[in-house]
Amino acid sequence: MRIESSVTSLSWIPSQAIQGSMKLPFTIGMASFDDPPPDVLDDLAEMAAAGRFRFANDLRAWIEVDDGRIVDSGYAGRGHIAKTTMNLAVAEISLEAMPFPDLQSEPEVGDGWVKFVQTAGGRTGAPAPRTVKHPPFVKIEAPSAWTTLALTLHADGRVEHELLGASPFPRHWIYDADRTLVAKTGLIEYKDWYHKAFGKHSPWGNQDSPAFATAVETALERELSVTMMRPGASPKLKKLSAGKTLVEQGDLGRELFLLLDGVLAVEVDGEVVAELGPGVVLGERALLEGGKRTSTLRAVTKCRVAVAEPDDIAPEALRELREGHRKEHQA
């Protein structure tokens, strides 16, 4: 009997992912941010051709099971990379990206299971002249981007997947064997990536970067985030360093919060009941339940938060959001 499964990462550049002077090519229209990928994956080759992501790591694997014993195994997936589109004054041009060879570890065989590990990535075709922190101290080509995924197949049919590592930029979304979005990286470190991620400072030089994966927000929250960050909207942006508090339980407040980057802990009566990643919308209960914060929100990592006014969101959407959060925190 053959057992097959997969785990896939899509890497893309969300709005607000780049700050300061490094945002200039995006501000003047030479480069563009990406639309969020779908909740359920389409054909990866077609998505790459349409420029719907920057990189994809499609780890697929199989095992052959005979009378409860694993007798054979192998990889079946690969990496994908999309072209880079640049808008110049005279024309729009597409630049071929540079894929790196997929790194597939020798399958690790245990008692009734096999673990597969695959790294995929590369660099975009757009030049990125910059100073870097290691020799040769000046680079022209873009930094490297990647993810490292693990997939464990069991003889009894169980499947486990894990994000082992990833480049600090861009955002990486993780999809399960049903091609459904299940996790995403919590923190983007653009400046660090821009000046360090090349050569030996990547898996192709035997150096990976750890990745903090968080559960995904709801479809409603994704809709609300688009509303809060729509063109013409001007939410206040707030930065928190790790350990700092966004709001305290019991405080009065009427702002609504959209976590753009980082990981926030939700604490109730001093106990952490959830850790949430980018895309979550928070603060609705104070708006609907008398104006007092019902939990403390504390930064696990450094965070960037968009702050919106209650009038920006329809009351029925706030009520639906509250019910969803109640169920999550009771689970």
C-alpha atoms as a PDB file:
ATOM      1  CA  MET A   1       0.000   0.000   0.000  1.00  0.00           C
ATOM      2  CA  ARG A   2       1.306   3.436  -0.935  1.00  0.00           C
ATOM      3  CA  ILE A   3       0.769   6.398   1.405  1.00  0.00           C
ATOM      4  CA  GLU A   4       1.358   9.852  -0.089  1.00  0.00           C
ATOM      5  CA  SER A   5       1.049  13.328   1.375  1.00  0.00           C
ATOM      6  CA  SER A   6       2.374  16.879   1.049  1.00  0.00           C
ATOM      7  CA  VAL A   7       3.029  20.197   2.749  1.00  0.00           C
ATOM      8  CA  THR A   8       3.542  23.402   0.775  1.00  0.00           C
ATOM      9  CA  SER A   9       4.778  26.896   1.554  1.00  0.00           C
ATOM     10  CA  LEU A  10       4.038  30.023  -0.489  1.00  0.00           C
ATOM     11  CA  SER A  11       6.256  33.074  -0.048  1.00  0.00           C
ATOM     12  CA  TRP A  12       4.895  36.540  -0.887  1.00  0.00           C
ATOM     13  CA  ILE A  13       5.363  40.243  -0.072  1.00  0.00           C
ATOM     14  CA  PRO A  14       2.440  41.794   1.840  1.00  0.00           C
ATOM     15  CA  SER A  15       1.799  45.520   2.015  1.00  0.00           C
ATOM     16  CA  GLN A  16       3.462  47.226   4.983  1.00  0.00           C
ATOM     17  CA  ALA A  17       6.212  44.555   4.933  1.00  0.00           C
ATOM     18  CA  ILE A  18       8.931  47.062   4.034  1.00  0.00           C
ATOM     19  CA  GLN A  19       9.585  50.293   5.909  1.00  0.00           C
ATOM     20  CA  GLY A  20      11.757  53.381   5.520  1.00  0.00           C
ATOM     21  CA  SER A  21      13.947  54.217   2.536  1.00  0.00           C
ATOM     22  CA  MET A  22      13.958  50.585   1.371  1.00  0.00           C
ATOM     23  CA  LYS A  23      10.285  51.028   0.473  1.00  0.00           C
ATOM     24  CA  LEU A  24      11.111  53.587  -2.262  1.00  0.00           C
ATOM     25  CA  PRO A  25      10.864  51.240  -5.312  1.00  0.00           C
ATOM     26  CA  PHE A  26       7.408  50.177  -4.095  1.00  0.00           C
ATOM     27  CA  THR A  27       6.320  53.768  -3.352  1.00  0.00           C
ATOM     28  CA  ILE A  28       7.198  55.045  -6.838  1.00  0.00           C
ATOM     29  CA  GLY A  29       5.620  52.021  -8.537  1.00  0.00           C
ATOM     30  CA  MET A  30       8.729  50.256  -9.869  1.00  0.00           C
ATOM     31  CA  ALA A  31       8.048  47.246  -7.654  1.00  0.00           C
ATOM     32  CA  SER A  32       4.765  46.010  -6.224  1.00  0.00           C
ATOM     33  CA  PHE A  33       3.476  44.272  -3.148  1.00  0.00           C
ATOM     34  CA  ASP A  34       1.509  41.049  -3.604  1.00  0.00           C
ATOM     35  CA  ASP A  35      -2.138  40.258  -3.104  1.00  0.00           C
ATOM     36  CA  PRO A  36      -2.664  37.656  -0.363  1.00  0.00           C
ATOM     37  CA  PRO A  37      -2.527  34.073  -1.685  1.00  0.00           C
ATOM     38  CA  PRO A  38      -5.743  32.018  -1.655  1.00  0.00           C
ATOM     39  CA  ASP A  39      -7.001  30.047   1.330  1.00  0.00           C
ATOM     40  CA  VAL A  40      -6.891  26.918  -0.850  1.00  0.00           C
ATOM     41  CA  LEU A  41      -4.091  26.383  -3.362  1.00  0.00           C
ATOM     42  CA  ASP A  42      -4.630  26.344  -7.096  1.00  0.00           C
ATOM     43  CA  ASP A  43      -2.227  24.756  -9.571  1.00  0.00           C
ATOM     44  CA  LEU A  44       1.238  25.994  -8.567  1.00  0.00           C
ATOM     45  CA  ALA A  45       2.582  26.255 -12.112  1.00  0.00           C
ATOM     46  CA  GLU A  46      -0.364  28.413 -13.150  1.00  0.00           C
ATOM     47  CA  MET A  47      -0.031  30.560 -10.038  1.00  0.00           C
ATOM     48  CA  ALA A  48       3.682  31.083 -10.729  1.00  0.00           C
ATOM     49  CA  ALA A  49       2.985  32.080 -14.332  1.00  0.00           C
ATOM     50  CA  ALA A  50       0.424  34.616 -13.098  1.00  0.00           C
ATOM     51  CA  GLY A  51       2.849  36.041 -10.535  1.00  0.00           C
ATOM     52  CA  ARG A  52       0.658  35.121  -7.547  1.00  0.00           C
ATOM     53  CA  PHE A  53       3.614  34.307  -5.300  1.00  0.00           C
ATOM     54  CA  ARG A  54       7.403  34.772  -5.229  1.00  0.00           C
ATOM     55  CA  PHE A  55       8.525  31.271  -4.228  1.00  0.00           C
ATOM     56  CA  ALA A  56       6.865  27.973  -3.385  1.00  0.00           C
ATOM     57  CA  ASN A  57       8.232  24.893  -1.653  1.00  0.00           C
ATOM     58  CA  ASP A  58       6.061  21.901  -2.528  1.00  0.00           C
ATOM     59  CA  LEU A  59       7.263  18.972  -0.422  1.00  0.00           C
ATOM     60  CA  ARG A  60       5.595  15.759  -1.566  1.00  0.00           C
ATOM     61  CA  ALA A  61       6.598  12.288  -0.425  1.00  0.00           C
ATOM     62  CA  TRP A  62       5.435   8.682  -0.313  1.00  0.00           C
ATOM     63  CA  ILE A  63       6.029   5.436   1.514  1.00  0.00           C
ATOM     64  CA  GLU A  64       5.248   1.837   0.537  1.00  0.00           C
ATOM     65  CA  VAL A  65       3.813  -0.250   3.373  1.00  0.00           C
ATOM     66  CA  ASP A  66       3.722  -4.056   3.275  1.00  0.00           C
ATOM     67  CA  ASP A  67       2.128  -5.934   6.172  1.00  0.00           C
ATOM     68  CA  GLY A  68       2.615  -2.912   8.465  1.00  0.00           C
ATOM     69  CA  ARG A  69       6.281  -2.465   7.536  1.00  0.00           C
ATOM     70  CA  ILE A  70       7.685   0.416   5.458  1.00  0.00           C
ATOM     71  CA  VAL A  71       9.590  -1.165   2.557  1.00  0.00           C
ATOM     72  CA  ASP A  72      10.289   1.858   0.319  1.00  0.00           C
ATOM     73  CA  SER A  73       9.979   5.663   0.296  1.00  0.00           C
ATOM     74  CA  GLY A  74      10.780   8.707  -1.810  1.00  0.00           C
ATOM     75  CA  TYR A  75      10.266  12.369  -2.679  1.00  0.00           C
ATOM     76  CA  ALA A  76       7.874  13.605  -5.365  1.00  0.00           C
ATOM     77  CA  GLY A  77       7.747  17.432  -5.014  1.00  0.00           C
ATOM     78  CA  ARG A  78       9.943  20.401  -5.879  1.00  0.00           C
ATOM     79  CA  GLY A  79      10.352  24.144  -5.578  1.00  0.00           C
ATOM     80  CA  HIS A  80       8.680  26.746  -7.805  1.00  0.00           C
ATOM     81  CA  ILE A  81       9.717  30.328  -8.512  1.00  0.00           C
ATOM     82  CA  ALA A  82       7.906  33.161 -10.288  1.00  0.00           C
ATOM     83  CA  LYS A  83       9.208  35.926 -12.525  1.00  0.00           C
ATOM     84  CA  THR A  84       9.764  39.408 -11.114  1.00  0.00           C
ATOM     85  CA  THR A  85       7.814  42.218 -12.755  1.00  0.00           C
ATOM     86  CA  MET A  86       9.287  45.748 -12.774  1.00  0.00           C
ATOM     87  CA  ASN A  87       7.359  48.821 -13.907  1.00  0.00           C
ATOM     88  CA  LEU A  88       9.759  51.203 -15.621  1.00  0.00           C
ATOM     89  CA  ALA A  89       8.902  54.585 -17.089  1.00  0.00           C
ATOM     90  CA  VAL A  90       8.812  53.223 -20.634  1.00  0.00           C
ATOM     91  CA  ALA A  91       7.527  49.681 -20.153  1.00  0.00           C
ATOM     92  CA  GLU A  92       6.706  46.809 -17.822  1.00  0.00           C
ATOM     93  CA  ILE A  93       9.391  44.146 -17.890  1.00  0.00           C
ATOM     94  CA  SER A  94       9.604  40.624 -16.463  1.00  0.00           C
ATOM     95  CA  LEU A  95      12.895  39.396 -15.045  1.00  0.00           C
ATOM     96  CA  GLU A  96      13.717  35.712 -14.768  1.00  0.00           C
ATOM     97  CA  ALA A  97      14.243  34.640 -11.180  1.00  0.00           C
ATOM     98  CA  MET A  98      17.141  32.459 -10.062  1.00  0.00           C
ATOM     99  CA  PRO A  99      15.970  29.175  -8.482  1.00  0.00           C
ATOM    100  CA  PHE A 100      18.457  27.354  -6.277  1.00  0.00           C
ATOM    101  CA  PRO A 101      18.750  23.546  -6.345  1.00  0.00           C
ATOM    102  CA  ASP A 102      16.194  21.869  -4.103  1.00  0.00           C
ATOM    103  CA  LEU A 103      17.811  20.386  -1.002  1.00  0.00           C
ATOM    104  CA  GLN A 104      16.271  17.029  -0.075  1.00  0.00           C
ATOM    105  CA  SER A 105      17.724  15.249   2.932  1.00  0.00           C
ATOM    106  CA  GLU A 106      18.123  11.496   2.947  1.00  0.00           C
ATOM    107  CA  PRO A 107      14.816  10.249   4.386  1.00  0.00           C
ATOM    108  CA  GLU A 108      15.100   9.560   8.111  1.00  0.00           C
ATOM    109  CA  VAL A 109      13.628   6.131   8.887  1.00  0.00           C
ATOM    110  CA  GLY A 110      12.228   5.302  12.308  1.00  0.00           C
ATOM    111  CA  ASP A 111      10.013   2.634  13.825  1.00  0.00           C
ATOM    112  CA  GLY A 112       6.957   2.811  11.574  1.00  0.00           C
ATOM    113  CA  TRP A 113       7.665   6.247  10.124  1.00  0.00           C
ATOM    114  CA  VAL A 114       9.809   8.146   7.607  1.00  0.00           C
ATOM    115  CA  LYS A 115      10.685  11.854   7.856  1.00  0.00           C
ATOM    116  CA  PHE A 116      11.418  13.937   4.749  1.00  0.00           C
ATOM    117  CA  VAL A 117      13.040  17.405   4.781  1.00  0.00           C
ATOM    118  CA  GLN A 118      13.138  19.728   1.778  1.00  0.00           C
ATOM    119  CA  THR A 119      14.492  23.254   1.284  1.00  0.00           C
ATOM    120  CA  ALA A 120      13.478  25.295  -1.763  1.00  0.00           C
ATOM    121  CA  GLY A 121      13.988  28.905  -2.781  1.00  0.00           C
ATOM    122  CA  GLY A 122      16.228  31.229  -4.733  1.00  0.00           C
ATOM    123  CA  ARG A 123      16.426  34.928  -5.486  1.00  0.00           C
ATOM    124  CA  THR A 124      14.386  37.292  -7.619  1.00  0.00           C
ATOM    125  CA  GLY A 125      15.654  38.559 -10.943  1.00  0.00           C
ATOM    126  CA  ALA A 126      15.579  42.212  -9.892  1.00  0.00           C
ATOM    127  CA  PRO A 127      18.978  43.679  -8.941  1.00  0.00           C
ATOM    128  CA  ALA A 128      19.341  44.962  -5.385  1.00  0.00           C
ATOM    129  CA  PRO A 129      22.568  46.987  -5.005  1.00  0.00           C
ATOM    130  CA  ARG A 130      23.375  47.234  -1.299  1.00  0.00           C
ATOM    131  CA  THR A 131      26.032  47.030   1.342  1.00  0.00           C
ATOM    132  CA  VAL A 132      26.156  43.750   3.260  1.00  0.00           C
ATOM    133  CA  LYS A 133      27.627  42.705   6.594  1.00  0.00           C
ATOM    134  CA  HIS A 134      29.956  40.028   5.244  1.00  0.00           C
ATOM    135  CA  PRO A 135      32.547  39.881   2.427  1.00  0.00           C
ATOM    136  CA  PRO A 136      32.388  41.112  -0.301  1.00  0.00           C
ATOM    137  CA  PHE A 137      30.497  43.920   1.594  1.00  0.00           C
ATOM    138  CA  VAL A 138      28.704  45.063  -1.584  1.00  0.00           C
ATOM    139  CA  LYS A 139      26.182  42.943  -3.501  1.00  0.00           C
ATOM    140  CA  ILE A 140      24.212  43.581  -6.682  1.00  0.00           C
ATOM    141  CA  GLU A 141      21.863  40.600  -6.924  1.00  0.00           C
ATOM    142  CA  ALA A 142      18.857  40.153  -4.627  1.00  0.00           C
ATOM    143  CA  PRO A 143      19.153  38.326  -1.277  1.00  0.00           C
ATOM    144  CA  SER A 144      18.163  34.669  -0.984  1.00  0.00           C
ATOM    145  CA  ALA A 145      14.716  33.517   0.152  1.00  0.00           C
ATOM    146  CA  TRP A 146      13.666  30.006   1.159  1.00  0.00           C
ATOM    147  CA  THR A 147      11.701  27.705   3.425  1.00  0.00           C
ATOM    148  CA  THR A 148      12.683  24.361   4.943  1.00  0.00           C
ATOM    149  CA  LEU A 149       9.764  21.962   5.442  1.00  0.00           C
ATOM    150  CA  ALA A 150       9.501  18.569   7.112  1.00  0.00           C
ATOM    151  CA  LEU A 151       6.930  15.868   6.390  1.00  0.00           C
ATOM    152  CA  THR A 152       6.614  12.663   8.439  1.00  0.00           C
ATOM    153  CA  LEU A 153       4.596   9.737   7.062  1.00  0.00           C
ATOM    154  CA  HIS A 154       3.561   6.878   9.360  1.00  0.00           C
ATOM    155  CA  ALA A 155       2.782   3.320   8.370  1.00  0.00           C
ATOM    156  CA  ASP A 156      -0.631   3.630  10.062  1.00  0.00           C
ATOM    157  CA  GLY A 157      -1.543   6.569   7.785  1.00  0.00           C
ATOM    158  CA  ARG A 158      -0.827   9.453  10.149  1.00  0.00           C
ATOM    159  CA  VAL A 159       0.888  12.523   8.681  1.00  0.00           C
ATOM    160  CA  GLU A 160       2.770  15.334  10.433  1.00  0.00           C
ATOM    161  CA  HIS A 161       4.327  18.451   8.932  1.00  0.00           C
ATOM    162  CA  GLU A 162       6.549  21.214  10.274  1.00  0.00           C
ATOM    163  CA  LEU A 163       8.221  24.447   9.221  1.00  0.00           C
ATOM    164  CA  LEU A 164      11.847  23.918  10.274  1.00  0.00           C
ATOM    165  CA  GLY A 165      13.313  27.159   8.961  1.00  0.00           C
ATOM    166  CA  ALA A 166      12.765  30.087   6.612  1.00  0.00           C
ATOM    167  CA  SER A 167      14.366  33.275   5.387  1.00  0.00           C
ATOM    168  CA  PRO A 168      13.400  36.300   7.529  1.00  0.00           C
ATOM    169  CA  PHE A 169      11.656  37.790   4.479  1.00  0.00           C
ATOM    170  CA  PRO A 170       9.135  37.630   2.833  1.00  0.00           C
ATOM    171  CA  ARG A 171       5.980  36.239   4.470  1.00  0.00           C
ATOM    172  CA  HIS A 172       5.605  32.429   4.249  1.00  0.00           C
ATOM    173  CA  TRP A 173       2.191  30.708   4.304  1.00  0.00           C
ATOM    174  CA  ILE A 174       1.898  26.954   4.962  1.00  0.00           C
ATOM    175  CA  TYR A 175      -0.659  24.614   3.341  1.00  0.00           C
ATOM    176  CA  ASP A 176      -1.491  21.046   4.351  1.00  0.00           C
ATOM    177  CA  ALA A 177      -2.117  17.968   2.191  1.00  0.00           C
ATOM    178  CA  ASP A 178      -5.638  19.221   1.406  1.00  0.00           C
ATOM    179  CA  ARG A 179      -3.964  22.353  -0.029  1.00  0.00           C
ATOM    180  CA  THR A 180      -5.622  24.416   2.727  1.00  0.00           C
ATOM    181  CA  LEU A 181      -3.906  27.276   4.551  1.00  0.00           C
ATOM    182  CA  VAL A 182      -3.005  26.138   8.089  1.00  0.00           C
ATOM    183  CA  ALA A 183      -0.136  28.351   9.335  1.00  0.00           C
ATOM    184  CA  LYS A 184       2.008  31.366   8.548  1.00  0.00           C
ATOM    185  CA  THR A 185       5.278  32.843   9.720  1.00  0.00           C
ATOM    186  CA  GLY A 186       4.779  35.408  12.429  1.00  0.00           C
ATOM    187  CA  LEU A 187       7.606  37.896  11.935  1.00  0.00           C
ATOM    188  CA  ILE A 188       9.258  39.631   8.973  1.00  0.00           C
ATOM    189  CA  GLU A 189      12.822  40.908   9.441  1.00  0.00           C
ATOM    190  CA  TYR A 190      13.357  42.771   6.156  1.00  0.00           C
ATOM    191  CA  LYS A 191      16.415  44.824   7.070  1.00  0.00           C
ATOM    192  CA  ASP A 192      18.277  41.880   8.555  1.00  0.00           C
ATOM    193  CA  TRP A 193      17.400  39.721   5.510  1.00  0.00           C
ATOM    194  CA  TYR A 194      18.346  42.431   3.008  1.00  0.00           C
ATOM    195  CA  HIS A 195      21.874  42.793   4.359  1.00  0.00           C
ATOM    196  CA  LYS A 196      22.679  39.213   5.402  1.00  0.00           C
ATOM    197  CA  ALA A 197      20.848  36.539   3.375  1.00  0.00           C
ATOM    198  CA  PHE A 198      23.290  35.429   0.678  1.00  0.00           C
ATOM    199  CA  GLY A 199      26.056  32.907   0.033  1.00  0.00           C
ATOM    200  CA  LYS A 200      26.895  30.810   3.054  1.00  0.00           C
ATOM    201  CA  HIS A 201      24.225  32.594   5.099  1.00  0.00           C
ATOM    202  CA  SER A 202      21.503  30.346   3.684  1.00  0.00           C
ATOM    203  CA  PRO A 203      20.761  26.598   3.632  1.00  0.00           C
ATOM    204  CA  TRP A 204      22.917  26.306   0.489  1.00  0.00           C
ATOM    205  CA  GLY A 205      25.789  27.425   2.710  1.00  0.00           C
ATOM    206  CA  ASN A 206      24.668  25.167   5.583  1.00  0.00           C
ATOM    207  CA  GLN A 207      23.009  27.989   7.552  1.00  0.00           C
ATOM    208  CA  ASP A 208      19.232  28.168   8.057  1.00  0.00           C
ATOM    209  CA  SER A 209      17.113  30.658  10.020  1.00  0.00           C
ATOM    210  CA  PRO A 210      14.529  29.540  12.587  1.00  0.00           C
ATOM    211  CA  ALA A 211      10.913  30.402  11.813  1.00  0.00           C
ATOM    212  CA  PHE A 212       8.038  31.148  14.199  1.00  0.00           C
ATOM    213  CA  ALA A 213       4.840  29.697  12.687  1.00  0.00           C
ATOM    214  CA  THR A 214       1.421  30.715  14.002  1.00  0.00           C
ATOM    215  CA  ALA A 215      -2.100  29.481  13.338  1.00  0.00           C
ATOM    216  CA  VAL A 216      -4.053  31.314  10.652  1.00  0.00           C
ATOM    217  CA  GLU A 217      -6.688  33.945  11.291  1.00  0.00           C
ATOM    218  CA  THR A 218     -10.293  33.445  10.174  1.00  0.00           C
ATOM    219  CA  ALA A 219     -11.666  34.283   6.740  1.00  0.00           C
ATOM    220  CA  LEU A 220     -13.648  37.088   8.384  1.00  0.00           C
ATOM    221  CA  GLU A 221     -10.471  38.592   9.808  1.00  0.00           C
ATOM    222  CA  ARG A 222      -8.865  38.509   6.369  1.00  0.00           C
ATOM    223  CA  GLU A 223     -11.858  40.405   4.985  1.00  0.00           C
ATOM    224  CA  LEU A 224     -11.694  42.939   7.817  1.00  0.00           C
ATOM    225  CA  SER A 225      -7.954  43.442   7.339  1.00  0.00           C
ATOM    226  CA  VAL A 226      -8.548  44.356   3.689  1.00  0.00           C
ATOM    227  CA  THR A 227     -11.175  46.882   4.823  1.00  0.00           C
ATOM    228  CA  MET A 228      -8.910  48.378   7.481  1.00  0.00           C
ATOM    229  CA  MET A 229      -5.927  48.683   5.090  1.00  0.00           C
ATOM    230  CA  ARG A 230      -7.890  49.653   1.962  1.00  0.00           C
ATOM    231  CA  PRO A 231      -6.525  52.421  -0.300  1.00  0.00           C
ATOM    232  CA  GLY A 232      -7.407  55.751   1.232  1.00  0.00           C
ATOM    233  CA  ALA A 233      -7.647  54.409   4.769  1.00  0.00           C
ATOM    234  CA  SER A 234      -5.119  55.825   7.189  1.00  0.00           C
ATOM    235  CA  PRO A 235      -4.981  53.707  10.339  1.00  0.00           C
ATOM    236  CA  LYS A 236      -2.398  54.701  12.916  1.00  0.00           C
ATOM    237  CA  LEU A 237       0.588  52.352  13.060  1.00  0.00           C
ATOM    238  CA  LYS A 238       2.045  51.295  16.382  1.00  0.00           C
ATOM    239  CA  LYS A 239       5.283  49.436  17.092  1.00  0.00           C
ATOM    240  CA  LEU A 240       5.916  47.250  20.132  1.00  0.00           C
ATOM    241  CA  SER A 241       9.143  45.650  21.260  1.00  0.00           C
ATOM    242  CA  ALA A 242       9.044  42.128  22.686  1.00  0.00           C
ATOM    243  CA  GLY A 243       7.498  42.078  26.163  1.00  0.00           C
ATOM    244  CA  LYS A 244       5.650  45.371  25.800  1.00  0.00           C
ATOM    245  CA  THR A 245       1.886  45.612  26.332  1.00  0.00           C
ATOM    246  CA  LEU A 246      -0.586  46.817  23.722  1.00  0.00           C
ATOM    247  CA  VAL A 247      -3.556  46.943  26.127  1.00  0.00           C
ATOM    248  CA  GLU A 248      -4.135  45.835  29.710  1.00  0.00           C
ATOM    249  CA  GLN A 249      -7.137  43.857  30.886  1.00  0.00           C
ATOM    250  CA  GLY A 250      -9.604  46.274  32.474  1.00  0.00           C
ATOM    251  CA  ASP A 251      -8.390  49.346  30.580  1.00  0.00           C
ATOM    252  CA  LEU A 252     -10.929  51.542  28.821  1.00  0.00           C
ATOM    253  CA  GLY A 253     -10.582  51.677  25.038  1.00  0.00           C
ATOM    254  CA  ARG A 254     -12.441  51.843  21.755  1.00  0.00           C
ATOM    255  CA  GLU A 255      -9.713  51.191  19.180  1.00  0.00           C
ATOM    256  CA  LEU A 256      -9.651  48.110  16.993  1.00  0.00           C
ATOM    257  CA  PHE A 257      -6.295  46.455  16.265  1.00  0.00           C
ATOM    258  CA  LEU A 258      -4.967  44.620  13.209  1.00  0.00           C
ATOM    259  CA  LEU A 259      -1.705  42.763  13.810  1.00  0.00           C
ATOM    260  CA  LEU A 260       0.455  43.406  10.737  1.00  0.00           C
ATOM    261  CA  ASP A 261       3.596  41.637  11.875  1.00  0.00           C
ATOM    262  CA  GLY A 262       4.815  39.715  14.910  1.00  0.00           C
ATOM    263  CA  VAL A 263       3.194  37.554  17.587  1.00  0.00           C
ATOM    264  CA  LEU A 264       0.870  38.758  20.376  1.00  0.00           C
ATOM    265  CA  ALA A 265      -0.037  36.795  23.508  1.00  0.00           C
ATOM    266  CA  VAL A 266      -3.592  37.045  24.829  1.00  0.00           C
ATOM    267  CA  GLU A 267      -3.628  36.942  28.632  1.00  0.00           C
ATOM    268  CA  VAL A 268      -6.753  36.607  30.791  1.00  0.00           C
ATOM    269  CA  ASP A 269      -6.301  37.024  34.565  1.00  0.00           C
ATOM    270  CA  GLY A 270      -2.550  36.604  34.107  1.00  0.00           C
ATOM    271  CA  GLU A 271      -2.790  33.352  32.115  1.00  0.00           C
ATOM    272  CA  VAL A 272      -1.817  33.108  28.443  1.00  0.00           C
ATOM    273  CA  VAL A 273      -4.810  31.698  26.552  1.00  0.00           C
ATOM    274  CA  ALA A 274      -3.555  32.185  22.976  1.00  0.00           C
ATOM    275  CA  GLU A 275      -0.642  33.357  20.856  1.00  0.00           C
ATOM    276  CA  LEU A 276      -1.737  35.074  17.644  1.00  0.00           C
ATOM    277  CA  GLY A 277       0.070  35.991  14.440  1.00  0.00           C
ATOM    278  CA  PRO A 278      -0.280  38.442  11.556  1.00  0.00           C
ATOM    279  CA  GLY A 279      -3.757  39.087  10.207  1.00  0.00           C
ATOM    280  CA  VAL A 280      -5.724  38.798  13.452  1.00  0.00           C
ATOM    281  CA  VAL A 281      -8.137  41.574  14.358  1.00  0.00           C
ATOM    282  CA  LEU A 282      -8.466  42.287  18.081  1.00  0.00           C
ATOM    283  CA  GLY A 283     -10.225  44.633  20.478  1.00  0.00           C
ATOM    284  CA  GLU A 284     -13.821  44.138  19.369  1.00  0.00           C
ATOM    285  CA  ARG A 285     -15.113  42.970  22.760  1.00  0.00           C
ATOM    286  CA  ALA A 286     -14.391  46.303  24.425  1.00  0.00           C
ATOM    287  CA  LEU A 287     -16.422  48.001  21.711  1.00  0.00           C
ATOM    288  CA  LEU A 288     -19.387  45.690  22.220  1.00  0.00           C
ATOM    289  CA  GLU A 289     -19.234  45.031  25.968  1.00  0.00           C
ATOM    290  CA  GLY A 290     -19.019  48.358  27.754  1.00  0.00           C
ATOM    291  CA  GLY A 291     -15.640  49.731  26.684  1.00  0.00           C
ATOM    292  CA  LYS A 292     -13.338  47.704  28.985  1.00  0.00           C
ATOM    293  CA  ARG A 293     -10.602  45.465  27.652  1.00  0.00           C
ATOM    294  CA  THR A 294     -11.323  41.838  28.480  1.00  0.00           C
ATOM    295  CA  SER A 295      -7.723  40.655  28.095  1.00  0.00           C
ATOM    296  CA  THR A 296      -4.136  41.856  28.077  1.00  0.00           C
ATOM    297  CA  LEU A 297      -2.344  41.852  24.718  1.00  0.00           C
ATOM    298  CA  ARG A 298       1.412  41.482  25.086  1.00  0.00           C
ATOM    299  CA  ALA A 299       4.096  41.283  22.392  1.00  0.00           C
ATOM    300  CA  VAL A 300       5.887  37.914  22.236  1.00  0.00           C
ATOM    301  CA  THR A 301       8.123  39.259  19.453  1.00  0.00           C
ATOM    302  CA  LYS A 302       8.450  42.789  18.196  1.00  0.00           C
ATOM    303  CA  CYS A 303       5.153  43.740  16.554  1.00  0.00           C
ATOM    304  CA  ARG A 304       3.588  46.261  14.201  1.00  0.00           C
ATOM    305  CA  VAL A 305      -0.091  46.996  14.735  1.00  0.00           C
ATOM    306  CA  ALA A 306      -2.606  49.046  12.754  1.00  0.00           C
ATOM    307  CA  VAL A 307      -5.048  50.948  14.984  1.00  0.00           C
ATOM    308  CA  ALA A 308      -8.502  51.704  13.554  1.00  0.00           C
ATOM    309  CA  GLU A 309     -11.615  53.440  14.826  1.00  0.00           C
ATOM    310  CA  PRO A 310     -14.796  51.415  15.508  1.00  0.00           C
ATOM    311  CA  ASP A 311     -16.713  53.226  12.783  1.00  0.00           C
ATOM    312  CA  ASP A 312     -14.445  51.570  10.207  1.00  0.00           C
ATOM    313  CA  ILE A 313     -16.116  48.169  10.767  1.00  0.00           C
ATOM    314  CA  ALA A 314     -19.792  47.236  10.560  1.00  0.00           C
ATOM    315  CA  PRO A 315     -21.328  46.257  13.957  1.00  0.00           C
ATOM    316  CA  GLU A 316     -22.513  42.872  12.649  1.00  0.00           C
ATOM    317  CA  ALA A 317     -18.948  42.015  11.613  1.00  0.00           C
ATOM    318  CA  LEU A 318     -17.702  42.934  15.089  1.00  0.00           C
ATOM    319  CA  ARG A 319     -20.300  40.662  16.689  1.00  0.00           C
ATOM    320  CA  GLU A 320     -19.310  37.764  14.422  1.00  0.00           C
ATOM    321  CA  LEU A 321     -15.662  38.366  15.237  1.00  0.00           C
ATOM    322  CA  ARG A 322     -16.420  38.327  18.988  1.00  0.00           C
ATOM    323  CA  GLU A 323     -18.187  34.979  18.780  1.00  0.00           C
ATOM    324  CA  GLY A 324     -15.304  33.455  16.866  1.00  0.00           C
ATOM    325  CA  HIS A 325     -12.750  34.662  19.417  1.00  0.00           C
ATOM    326  CA  ARG A 326     -14.824  33.319  22.297  1.00  0.00           C
ATOM    327  CA  LYS A 327     -14.817  29.836  20.747  1.00  0.00           C
ATOM    328  CA  GLU A 328     -11.073  29.959  20.036  1.00  0.00           C
ATOM    329  CA  HIS A 329     -10.105  30.995  23.559  1.00  0.00           C
ATOM    330  CA  GLN A 330     -12.374  28.375  25.138  1.00  0.00           C
ATOM    331  CA  ALA A 331     -10.853  25.557  23.062  1.00  0.00           C
END
